[in-house]
Amino acid sequence: MNENRTTEDTRNTDVPYDPGNETDTREYWEGATAHKGVAEFRARRGRPPKAADARKEQIALRVDKEVLEWYRAQGPGWQTRMNAVLKAYRDAAL
C-alpha cells in the first residue's frame, strides 16, 4: 500500500489478518478459493479480432478545417460516416 495515501488505521482494517505475521497470512490464503480459467477469461475480453481484409488502416489525412468541423459536429461516429462517404464515391466512380 502507498504510505502517503493510507493511515495506520486504514491499513489495519484493510485486510482480515496481520500482514506482518507470515503464519496469519499463510493461514488466511490457504482458505482462499483459487481462480480457474483466468487466462481463458482474459483471452475473451474485448472485441473479437477481425479478419485481415476487414481491418481498417490508420493514416494521416489532411482535410479542410471546415470539412472536419462539419463531420465532428455530426456527433459520435463521424469517422465511420466519413469512411462511408469515401466508399460511396469510390463505388460511384467505377
N, C-alpha and C. Protein backbone atom coordinates (compact mmCIF):
# COMPACT_ATOMS: atom_id res chain seq x y z
N MET A 1 0.83 -1.19 0.00
CA MET A 1 0.00 0.00 0.00
C MET A 1 0.86 1.24 0.00
N ASN A 2 0.34 2.26 -0.54
CA ASN A 2 1.07 3.52 -0.60
C ASN A 2 1.02 4.19 0.76
N GLU A 3 2.15 4.41 1.34
CA GLU A 3 2.22 5.02 2.68
C GLU A 3 1.59 6.40 2.72
N ASN A 4 1.67 7.13 1.63
CA ASN A 4 1.19 8.51 1.61
C ASN A 4 -0.34 8.60 1.55
N ARG A 5 -1.03 7.55 1.10
CA ARG A 5 -2.46 7.65 0.87
C ARG A 5 -3.28 6.90 1.92
N THR A 6 -2.65 6.22 2.84
CA THR A 6 -3.39 5.48 3.86
C THR A 6 -2.90 5.87 5.24
N THR A 7 -3.74 5.66 6.20
CA THR A 7 -3.36 5.90 7.59
C THR A 7 -3.11 4.55 8.24
N GLU A 8 -2.55 4.57 9.41
CA GLU A 8 -2.30 3.32 10.14
C GLU A 8 -3.61 2.58 10.39
N ASP A 9 -4.68 3.32 10.72
CA ASP A 9 -5.98 2.69 10.97
C ASP A 9 -6.53 2.03 9.71
N THR A 10 -6.36 2.69 8.58
CA THR A 10 -6.85 2.13 7.32
C THR A 10 -6.14 0.81 7.02
N ARG A 11 -4.83 0.78 7.18
CA ARG A 11 -4.07 -0.42 6.89
C ARG A 11 -4.48 -1.57 7.80
N ASN A 12 -4.84 -1.28 9.04
CA ASN A 12 -5.23 -2.34 9.96
C ASN A 12 -6.60 -2.92 9.60
N THR A 13 -7.48 -2.15 9.05
CA THR A 13 -8.81 -2.64 8.73
C THR A 13 -8.92 -3.09 7.28
N ASP A 14 -7.88 -2.88 6.50
CA ASP A 14 -7.91 -3.20 5.08
C ASP A 14 -7.86 -4.70 4.83
N VAL A 15 -7.21 -5.47 5.67
CA VAL A 15 -7.08 -6.91 5.50
C VAL A 15 -7.52 -7.61 6.78
N PRO A 16 -8.09 -8.81 6.65
CA PRO A 16 -8.59 -9.51 7.84
C PRO A 16 -7.52 -10.29 8.60
N TYR A 17 -6.26 -10.05 8.33
CA TYR A 17 -5.16 -10.72 9.01
C TYR A 17 -4.03 -9.72 9.18
N ASP A 18 -3.04 -10.09 9.95
CA ASP A 18 -1.89 -9.22 10.18
C ASP A 18 -0.87 -9.46 9.05
N PRO A 19 -0.71 -8.51 8.12
CA PRO A 19 0.21 -8.72 7.01
C PRO A 19 1.66 -8.92 7.46
N GLY A 20 1.98 -8.47 8.64
CA GLY A 20 3.34 -8.64 9.14
C GLY A 20 3.60 -10.02 9.71
N ASN A 21 2.53 -10.79 9.95
CA ASN A 21 2.67 -12.12 10.53
C ASN A 21 2.53 -13.15 9.41
N GLU A 22 3.63 -13.81 9.08
CA GLU A 22 3.65 -14.75 7.96
C GLU A 22 2.69 -15.92 8.18
N THR A 23 2.57 -16.39 9.41
CA THR A 23 1.68 -17.51 9.71
C THR A 23 0.23 -17.12 9.49
N ASP A 24 -0.18 -15.94 9.97
CA ASP A 24 -1.55 -15.46 9.76
C ASP A 24 -1.85 -15.30 8.27
N THR A 25 -0.89 -14.75 7.57
CA THR A 25 -1.07 -14.53 6.13
C THR A 25 -1.25 -15.85 5.41
N ARG A 26 -0.40 -16.82 5.69
CA ARG A 26 -0.47 -18.13 5.03
C ARG A 26 -1.79 -18.82 5.37
N GLU A 27 -2.21 -18.79 6.62
CA GLU A 27 -3.47 -19.44 7.02
C GLU A 27 -4.66 -18.81 6.30
N TYR A 28 -4.64 -17.51 6.19
CA TYR A 28 -5.76 -16.83 5.51
C TYR A 28 -5.83 -17.26 4.04
N TRP A 29 -4.72 -17.23 3.34
CA TRP A 29 -4.73 -17.51 1.91
C TRP A 29 -4.87 -18.99 1.58
N GLU A 30 -4.59 -19.88 2.54
CA GLU A 30 -4.81 -21.30 2.30
C GLU A 30 -6.31 -21.59 2.17
N GLY A 31 -7.13 -20.80 2.80
CA GLY A 31 -8.58 -20.99 2.71
C GLY A 31 -9.22 -20.26 1.55
N ALA A 32 -8.43 -19.57 0.76
CA ALA A 32 -8.97 -18.81 -0.36
C ALA A 32 -9.32 -19.73 -1.53
N THR A 33 -10.29 -19.30 -2.31
CA THR A 33 -10.68 -20.04 -3.50
C THR A 33 -9.75 -19.69 -4.64
N ALA A 34 -9.17 -20.70 -5.26
CA ALA A 34 -8.26 -20.46 -6.38
C ALA A 34 -9.09 -20.12 -7.62
N HIS A 35 -8.66 -19.14 -8.36
CA HIS A 35 -9.33 -18.77 -9.61
C HIS A 35 -8.87 -19.71 -10.71
N LYS A 36 -9.83 -20.21 -11.43
CA LYS A 36 -9.51 -21.11 -12.55
C LYS A 36 -10.00 -20.47 -13.83
N GLY A 37 -9.25 -20.65 -14.89
CA GLY A 37 -9.67 -20.14 -16.18
C GLY A 37 -9.39 -18.66 -16.39
N VAL A 38 -8.49 -18.07 -15.63
CA VAL A 38 -8.20 -16.65 -15.76
C VAL A 38 -7.63 -16.35 -17.15
N ALA A 39 -6.74 -17.21 -17.64
CA ALA A 39 -6.13 -16.97 -18.96
C ALA A 39 -7.21 -17.00 -20.05
N GLU A 40 -8.14 -17.95 -19.94
CA GLU A 40 -9.22 -18.03 -20.93
C GLU A 40 -10.13 -16.81 -20.84
N PHE A 41 -10.41 -16.37 -19.63
CA PHE A 41 -11.24 -15.18 -19.45
C PHE A 41 -10.59 -13.96 -20.08
N ARG A 42 -9.31 -13.78 -19.85
CA ARG A 42 -8.61 -12.62 -20.40
C ARG A 42 -8.55 -12.68 -21.93
N ALA A 43 -8.43 -13.88 -22.47
CA ALA A 43 -8.38 -14.03 -23.93
C ALA A 43 -9.70 -13.64 -24.57
N ARG A 44 -10.82 -13.77 -23.84
CA ARG A 44 -12.14 -13.46 -24.39
C ARG A 44 -12.53 -12.00 -24.21
N ARG A 45 -11.75 -11.22 -23.49
CA ARG A 45 -12.10 -9.82 -23.24
C ARG A 45 -12.02 -9.01 -24.53
N GLY A 46 -12.80 -7.97 -24.60
CA GLY A 46 -12.74 -7.05 -25.73
C GLY A 46 -13.49 -7.58 -26.95
N ARG A 47 -13.33 -6.90 -28.04
CA ARG A 47 -13.98 -7.29 -29.28
C ARG A 47 -13.24 -8.45 -29.92
N PRO A 48 -13.97 -9.30 -30.62
CA PRO A 48 -13.26 -10.39 -31.32
C PRO A 48 -12.42 -9.82 -32.45
N PRO A 49 -11.31 -10.46 -32.76
CA PRO A 49 -10.46 -9.94 -33.83
C PRO A 49 -11.15 -10.06 -35.18
N LYS A 50 -10.90 -9.08 -36.05
CA LYS A 50 -11.47 -9.09 -37.39
C LYS A 50 -10.51 -9.80 -38.34
N ALA A 51 -11.07 -10.26 -39.45
CA ALA A 51 -10.24 -10.87 -40.48
C ALA A 51 -9.30 -9.82 -41.04
N ALA A 52 -8.18 -10.25 -41.56
CA ALA A 52 -7.16 -9.32 -42.06
C ALA A 52 -7.71 -8.37 -43.12
N ASP A 53 -8.59 -8.86 -43.99
CA ASP A 53 -9.13 -8.00 -45.04
C ASP A 53 -10.24 -7.07 -44.54
N ALA A 54 -10.74 -7.29 -43.34
CA ALA A 54 -11.81 -6.45 -42.79
C ALA A 54 -11.26 -5.36 -41.86
N ARG A 55 -9.98 -5.42 -41.54
CA ARG A 55 -9.38 -4.44 -40.63
C ARG A 55 -9.21 -3.10 -41.33
N LYS A 56 -9.26 -2.05 -40.54
CA LYS A 56 -9.03 -0.71 -41.08
C LYS A 56 -7.57 -0.33 -40.87
N GLU A 57 -7.11 0.61 -41.65
CA GLU A 57 -5.73 1.05 -41.57
C GLU A 57 -5.70 2.50 -41.14
N GLN A 58 -4.84 2.81 -40.19
CA GLN A 58 -4.72 4.18 -39.72
C GLN A 58 -3.79 4.95 -40.64
N ILE A 59 -4.25 6.15 -41.03
CA ILE A 59 -3.45 7.02 -41.91
C ILE A 59 -3.50 8.44 -41.38
N ALA A 60 -2.67 9.29 -41.94
CA ALA A 60 -2.75 10.72 -41.67
C ALA A 60 -3.36 11.34 -42.92
N LEU A 61 -4.45 12.07 -42.75
CA LEU A 61 -5.18 12.64 -43.88
C LEU A 61 -5.40 14.12 -43.60
N ARG A 62 -5.08 14.95 -44.56
CA ARG A 62 -5.28 16.39 -44.40
C ARG A 62 -6.56 16.78 -45.13
N VAL A 63 -7.47 17.38 -44.39
CA VAL A 63 -8.72 17.87 -44.97
C VAL A 63 -8.91 19.32 -44.52
N ASP A 64 -9.76 20.03 -45.24
CA ASP A 64 -10.04 21.42 -44.86
C ASP A 64 -10.66 21.47 -43.46
N LYS A 65 -10.35 22.52 -42.75
CA LYS A 65 -10.84 22.68 -41.38
C LYS A 65 -12.36 22.66 -41.33
N GLU A 66 -12.99 23.33 -42.30
CA GLU A 66 -14.45 23.40 -42.31
C GLU A 66 -15.07 22.01 -42.50
N VAL A 67 -14.44 21.19 -43.33
CA VAL A 67 -14.95 19.84 -43.56
C VAL A 67 -14.85 19.02 -42.28
N LEU A 68 -13.71 19.07 -41.63
CA LEU A 68 -13.51 18.33 -40.39
C LEU A 68 -14.47 18.80 -39.31
N GLU A 69 -14.65 20.09 -39.17
CA GLU A 69 -15.58 20.62 -38.17
C GLU A 69 -17.01 20.15 -38.43
N TRP A 70 -17.39 20.10 -39.73
CA TRP A 70 -18.75 19.67 -40.08
C TRP A 70 -18.97 18.21 -39.69
N TYR A 71 -18.00 17.36 -40.02
CA TYR A 71 -18.13 15.94 -39.68
C TYR A 71 -18.17 15.76 -38.16
N ARG A 72 -17.30 16.43 -37.45
CA ARG A 72 -17.27 16.30 -35.99
C ARG A 72 -18.56 16.81 -35.35
N ALA A 73 -19.16 17.82 -35.96
CA ALA A 73 -20.41 18.37 -35.42
C ALA A 73 -21.57 17.38 -35.55
N GLN A 74 -21.41 16.38 -36.42
CA GLN A 74 -22.46 15.37 -36.59
C GLN A 74 -22.54 14.42 -35.39
N GLY A 75 -21.54 14.46 -34.53
CA GLY A 75 -21.56 13.64 -33.32
C GLY A 75 -20.73 12.36 -33.44
N PRO A 76 -20.88 11.49 -32.44
CA PRO A 76 -20.11 10.25 -32.43
C PRO A 76 -20.33 9.45 -33.72
N GLY A 77 -19.29 8.81 -34.19
CA GLY A 77 -19.36 8.03 -35.40
C GLY A 77 -19.01 8.81 -36.65
N TRP A 78 -18.49 10.02 -36.48
CA TRP A 78 -18.21 10.86 -37.65
C TRP A 78 -17.14 10.24 -38.55
N GLN A 79 -16.18 9.54 -37.97
CA GLN A 79 -15.14 8.91 -38.80
C GLN A 79 -15.73 7.77 -39.63
N THR A 80 -16.65 7.03 -39.06
CA THR A 80 -17.31 5.95 -39.79
C THR A 80 -18.13 6.52 -40.94
N ARG A 81 -18.82 7.63 -40.68
CA ARG A 81 -19.60 8.26 -41.75
C ARG A 81 -18.69 8.82 -42.85
N MET A 82 -17.57 9.38 -42.47
CA MET A 82 -16.63 9.90 -43.46
C MET A 82 -16.12 8.74 -44.32
N ASN A 83 -15.85 7.62 -43.71
CA ASN A 83 -15.40 6.44 -44.43
C ASN A 83 -16.49 5.96 -45.40
N ALA A 84 -17.75 6.00 -44.97
CA ALA A 84 -18.86 5.58 -45.83
C ALA A 84 -18.98 6.49 -47.05
N VAL A 85 -18.78 7.79 -46.86
CA VAL A 85 -18.84 8.73 -47.99
C VAL A 85 -17.73 8.43 -48.99
N LEU A 86 -16.53 8.16 -48.48
CA LEU A 86 -15.41 7.83 -49.36
C LEU A 86 -15.67 6.53 -50.13
N LYS A 87 -16.26 5.55 -49.46
CA LYS A 87 -16.61 4.29 -50.13
C LYS A 87 -17.65 4.52 -51.22
N ALA A 88 -18.66 5.34 -50.91
CA ALA A 88 -19.72 5.62 -51.88
C ALA A 88 -19.14 6.32 -53.12
N TYR A 89 -18.21 7.22 -52.90
CA TYR A 89 -17.57 7.91 -54.03
C TYR A 89 -16.76 6.91 -54.87
N ARG A 90 -16.04 6.03 -54.17
CA ARG A 90 -15.27 5.01 -54.88
C ARG A 90 -16.18 4.14 -55.74
N ASP A 91 -17.30 3.69 -55.17
CA ASP A 91 -18.21 2.82 -55.90
C ASP A 91 -18.90 3.53 -57.05
N ALA A 92 -19.19 4.83 -56.86
CA ALA A 92 -19.85 5.60 -57.92
C ALA A 92 -18.90 5.90 -59.07
N ALA A 93 -17.61 5.99 -58.77
CA ALA A 93 -16.62 6.34 -59.78
C ALA A 93 -16.29 5.16 -60.70
N LEU A 94 -16.70 3.96 -60.30
CA LEU A 94 -16.39 2.76 -61.11
C LEU A 94 -17.24 2.66 -62.29
